[in-house]
Amino acid sequence: MKTRPLFAIALTTLSLGASLTSVAHGAQATPYRYGQDLDIAKVIAIEVPNSPQCEVVTAKMTYRNSAGEVHVLDYEQLSSVCSNQN
């Protein structure tokens, strides 16, 4: 078996994932405005802060647009605790 090409592919995949993470963390988040047109080709990550009570929290979505650029968008949503309440 040819383990060298498989190792090279795995290493490349890991380094690409690490670079996307560093780009996403270094990008300035843009706040979402109601009715804003978004060009989202692929969602990379969604981060929602934990909250012990039902309240509005600011979530963060990292995505790639159709041109391949990585963007970070802040938006507001209800915390997950709200969905558990009657």
N, C-alpha and C. Protein backbone atom coordinates (compact mmCIF):
# COMPACT_ATOMS: atom_id res chain seq x y z
N MET A 1 0.83 -1.19 0.00
CA MET A 1 0.00 0.00 0.00
C MET A 1 0.86 1.24 0.00
N LYS A 2 0.30 2.27 -0.55
CA LYS A 2 1.02 3.53 -0.61
C LYS A 2 0.53 4.45 0.50
N THR A 3 1.24 4.42 1.59
CA THR A 3 0.82 5.22 2.74
C THR A 3 1.31 6.66 2.66
N ARG A 4 2.36 6.90 1.90
CA ARG A 4 2.87 8.28 1.79
C ARG A 4 1.86 9.21 1.16
N PRO A 5 1.22 8.86 0.04
CA PRO A 5 0.21 9.78 -0.52
C PRO A 5 -0.96 10.00 0.44
N LEU A 6 -1.38 8.96 1.14
CA LEU A 6 -2.47 9.13 2.09
C LEU A 6 -2.07 10.03 3.24
N PHE A 7 -0.84 9.88 3.72
CA PHE A 7 -0.34 10.75 4.78
C PHE A 7 -0.26 12.20 4.30
N ALA A 8 0.18 12.41 3.08
CA ALA A 8 0.29 13.76 2.53
C ALA A 8 -1.09 14.41 2.40
N ILE A 9 -2.08 13.62 1.97
CA ILE A 9 -3.44 14.15 1.85
C ILE A 9 -4.00 14.51 3.22
N ALA A 10 -3.77 13.65 4.20
CA ALA A 10 -4.25 13.92 5.56
C ALA A 10 -3.59 15.16 6.14
N LEU A 11 -2.31 15.32 5.93
CA LEU A 11 -1.60 16.48 6.44
C LEU A 11 -2.09 17.75 5.76
N THR A 12 -2.33 17.70 4.46
CA THR A 12 -2.85 18.86 3.73
C THR A 12 -4.24 19.24 4.23
N THR A 13 -5.07 18.26 4.48
CA THR A 13 -6.42 18.51 4.98
C THR A 13 -6.39 19.16 6.34
N LEU A 14 -5.53 18.68 7.22
CA LEU A 14 -5.39 19.26 8.55
C LEU A 14 -4.89 20.70 8.49
N SER A 15 -3.92 20.97 7.65
CA SER A 15 -3.38 22.32 7.56
C SER A 15 -4.40 23.27 6.95
N LEU A 16 -5.19 22.80 5.98
CA LEU A 16 -6.22 23.64 5.39
C LEU A 16 -7.30 23.97 6.43
N GLY A 17 -7.70 22.98 7.22
CA GLY A 17 -8.68 23.21 8.27
C GLY A 17 -8.18 24.20 9.31
N ALA A 18 -6.91 24.09 9.66
CA ALA A 18 -6.32 25.02 10.63
C ALA A 18 -6.26 26.43 10.07
N SER A 19 -5.95 26.56 8.78
CA SER A 19 -5.88 27.90 8.19
C SER A 19 -7.26 28.52 8.08
N LEU A 20 -8.30 27.74 7.79
CA LEU A 20 -9.66 28.27 7.75
C LEU A 20 -10.09 28.75 9.13
N THR A 21 -9.72 27.99 10.16
CA THR A 21 -10.05 28.38 11.52
C THR A 21 -9.36 29.68 11.89
N SER A 22 -8.09 29.82 11.54
CA SER A 22 -7.37 31.05 11.88
C SER A 22 -7.91 32.24 11.10
N VAL A 23 -8.30 32.04 9.85
CA VAL A 23 -8.89 33.12 9.05
C VAL A 23 -10.22 33.54 9.66
N ALA A 24 -11.02 32.57 10.05
CA ALA A 24 -12.34 32.86 10.62
C ALA A 24 -12.21 33.60 11.95
N HIS A 25 -11.25 33.22 12.79
CA HIS A 25 -11.09 33.89 14.07
C HIS A 25 -10.48 35.28 13.91
N GLY A 26 -9.73 35.50 12.84
CA GLY A 26 -9.12 36.80 12.61
C GLY A 26 -10.04 37.77 11.89
N ALA A 27 -11.12 37.29 11.31
CA ALA A 27 -12.02 38.14 10.55
C ALA A 27 -12.88 38.97 11.50
N GLN A 28 -13.15 40.20 11.09
CA GLN A 28 -14.01 41.09 11.86
C GLN A 28 -15.47 40.71 11.62
N ALA A 29 -16.24 40.53 12.67
CA ALA A 29 -17.64 40.15 12.54
C ALA A 29 -18.47 41.35 12.12
N THR A 30 -19.40 41.12 11.18
CA THR A 30 -20.32 42.13 10.72
C THR A 30 -21.67 41.87 11.33
N PRO A 31 -22.30 42.88 11.95
CA PRO A 31 -23.63 42.65 12.51
C PRO A 31 -24.68 42.51 11.40
N TYR A 32 -25.60 41.58 11.57
CA TYR A 32 -26.66 41.36 10.59
C TYR A 32 -27.72 42.45 10.73
N ARG A 33 -28.19 42.95 9.59
CA ARG A 33 -29.30 43.89 9.55
C ARG A 33 -30.50 43.21 8.91
N TYR A 34 -31.68 43.39 9.46
CA TYR A 34 -32.88 42.77 8.93
C TYR A 34 -33.06 43.12 7.45
N GLY A 35 -33.29 42.12 6.62
CA GLY A 35 -33.48 42.33 5.20
C GLY A 35 -32.19 42.36 4.39
N GLN A 36 -31.06 42.21 5.05
CA GLN A 36 -29.76 42.24 4.38
C GLN A 36 -29.62 41.05 3.43
N ASP A 37 -29.16 41.32 2.20
CA ASP A 37 -28.90 40.23 1.25
C ASP A 37 -27.59 39.55 1.63
N LEU A 38 -27.64 38.24 1.76
CA LEU A 38 -26.45 37.48 2.12
C LEU A 38 -26.08 36.53 0.99
N ASP A 39 -24.81 36.41 0.73
CA ASP A 39 -24.28 35.48 -0.27
C ASP A 39 -23.55 34.38 0.48
N ILE A 40 -24.28 33.33 0.86
CA ILE A 40 -23.71 32.23 1.65
C ILE A 40 -23.66 31.00 0.78
N ALA A 41 -22.44 30.59 0.43
CA ALA A 41 -22.28 29.36 -0.35
C ALA A 41 -22.10 28.16 0.57
N LYS A 42 -21.41 28.36 1.71
CA LYS A 42 -21.18 27.26 2.64
C LYS A 42 -20.99 27.81 4.05
N VAL A 43 -21.69 27.24 4.99
CA VAL A 43 -21.52 27.61 6.40
C VAL A 43 -20.36 26.80 6.96
N ILE A 44 -19.40 27.49 7.55
CA ILE A 44 -18.22 26.84 8.12
C ILE A 44 -18.47 26.51 9.60
N ALA A 45 -19.02 27.47 10.34
CA ALA A 45 -19.26 27.25 11.77
C ALA A 45 -20.33 28.20 12.28
N ILE A 46 -21.05 27.75 13.31
CA ILE A 46 -22.00 28.60 14.02
C ILE A 46 -21.68 28.46 15.50
N GLU A 47 -21.48 29.59 16.15
CA GLU A 47 -21.16 29.61 17.58
C GLU A 47 -22.28 30.34 18.32
N VAL A 48 -22.92 29.66 19.26
CA VAL A 48 -23.98 30.26 20.06
C VAL A 48 -23.54 30.18 21.52
N PRO A 49 -23.46 31.32 22.20
CA PRO A 49 -23.03 31.29 23.60
C PRO A 49 -24.07 30.61 24.49
N ASN A 50 -23.59 29.92 25.51
CA ASN A 50 -24.49 29.29 26.48
C ASN A 50 -25.02 30.36 27.42
N SER A 51 -26.29 30.20 27.79
CA SER A 51 -26.90 31.13 28.72
C SER A 51 -27.77 30.34 29.69
N PRO A 52 -27.71 30.63 30.98
CA PRO A 52 -28.51 29.88 31.94
C PRO A 52 -29.98 30.30 31.96
N GLN A 53 -30.33 31.39 31.29
CA GLN A 53 -31.71 31.86 31.30
C GLN A 53 -32.20 32.15 29.89
N CYS A 54 -33.49 32.27 29.73
CA CYS A 54 -34.09 32.58 28.43
C CYS A 54 -33.87 34.06 28.14
N GLU A 55 -33.03 34.33 27.15
CA GLU A 55 -32.71 35.70 26.78
C GLU A 55 -32.18 35.73 25.35
N VAL A 56 -32.04 36.93 24.81
CA VAL A 56 -31.47 37.10 23.48
C VAL A 56 -29.95 37.07 23.60
N VAL A 57 -29.30 36.25 22.77
CA VAL A 57 -27.85 36.16 22.76
C VAL A 57 -27.33 36.49 21.35
N THR A 58 -26.09 36.88 21.27
CA THR A 58 -25.47 37.17 19.98
C THR A 58 -24.70 35.95 19.51
N ALA A 59 -25.17 35.37 18.42
CA ALA A 59 -24.52 34.20 17.82
C ALA A 59 -23.60 34.68 16.70
N LYS A 60 -22.68 33.81 16.31
CA LYS A 60 -21.69 34.15 15.28
C LYS A 60 -21.69 33.03 14.24
N MET A 61 -21.83 33.41 12.97
CA MET A 61 -21.79 32.44 11.88
C MET A 61 -20.59 32.78 10.99
N THR A 62 -19.75 31.79 10.75
CA THR A 62 -18.63 31.92 9.83
C THR A 62 -19.02 31.19 8.56
N TYR A 63 -18.92 31.88 7.43
CA TYR A 63 -19.34 31.28 6.16
C TYR A 63 -18.43 31.69 5.02
N ARG A 64 -18.57 30.96 3.91
CA ARG A 64 -17.83 31.26 2.69
C ARG A 64 -18.86 31.72 1.66
N ASN A 65 -18.56 32.83 0.94
CA ASN A 65 -19.48 33.30 -0.09
C ASN A 65 -19.18 32.62 -1.42
N SER A 66 -19.94 32.98 -2.45
CA SER A 66 -19.78 32.32 -3.75
C SER A 66 -18.43 32.63 -4.41
N ALA A 67 -17.74 33.67 -3.96
CA ALA A 67 -16.41 33.99 -4.47
C ALA A 67 -15.32 33.28 -3.69
N GLY A 68 -15.69 32.53 -2.65
CA GLY A 68 -14.71 31.79 -1.86
C GLY A 68 -14.15 32.56 -0.69
N GLU A 69 -14.64 33.77 -0.44
CA GLU A 69 -14.15 34.58 0.68
C GLU A 69 -14.84 34.17 1.97
N VAL A 70 -14.09 34.20 3.07
CA VAL A 70 -14.63 33.83 4.39
C VAL A 70 -15.11 35.10 5.08
N HIS A 71 -16.35 35.03 5.61
CA HIS A 71 -16.94 36.16 6.35
C HIS A 71 -17.47 35.67 7.68
N VAL A 72 -17.60 36.60 8.63
CA VAL A 72 -18.16 36.30 9.94
C VAL A 72 -19.32 37.27 10.16
N LEU A 73 -20.46 36.72 10.57
CA LEU A 73 -21.67 37.50 10.75
C LEU A 73 -22.20 37.31 12.16
N ASP A 74 -22.46 38.41 12.88
CA ASP A 74 -23.09 38.36 14.19
C ASP A 74 -24.59 38.54 14.00
N TYR A 75 -25.39 37.74 14.72
CA TYR A 75 -26.83 37.90 14.67
C TYR A 75 -27.41 37.53 16.03
N GLU A 76 -28.62 38.02 16.30
CA GLU A 76 -29.24 37.77 17.58
C GLU A 76 -30.27 36.65 17.47
N GLN A 77 -30.34 35.83 18.52
CA GLN A 77 -31.33 34.77 18.59
C GLN A 77 -31.63 34.49 20.05
N LEU A 78 -32.71 33.76 20.29
CA LEU A 78 -33.02 33.35 21.65
C LEU A 78 -32.10 32.23 22.07
N SER A 79 -31.73 32.23 23.36
CA SER A 79 -30.86 31.16 23.86
C SER A 79 -31.60 29.82 23.80
N SER A 80 -30.83 28.75 23.86
CA SER A 80 -31.40 27.41 23.75
C SER A 80 -32.30 27.08 24.94
N VAL A 81 -32.13 27.76 26.06
CA VAL A 81 -32.96 27.52 27.22
C VAL A 81 -34.42 27.87 26.93
N CYS A 82 -34.65 28.86 26.06
CA CYS A 82 -36.01 29.30 25.75
C CYS A 82 -36.82 28.20 25.08
N SER A 83 -36.20 27.36 24.27
CA SER A 83 -36.93 26.30 23.59
C SER A 83 -37.33 25.18 24.54
N ASN A 84 -36.72 25.10 25.70
CA ASN A 84 -37.03 24.05 26.68
C ASN A 84 -38.15 24.46 27.63
N GLN A 85 -38.54 25.74 27.56
CA GLN A 85 -39.58 26.23 28.47
C GLN A 85 -40.95 26.12 27.81
N ASN A 86 -41.98 25.98 28.61
CA ASN A 86 -43.36 25.92 28.10
C ASN A 86 -43.99 27.27 28.05
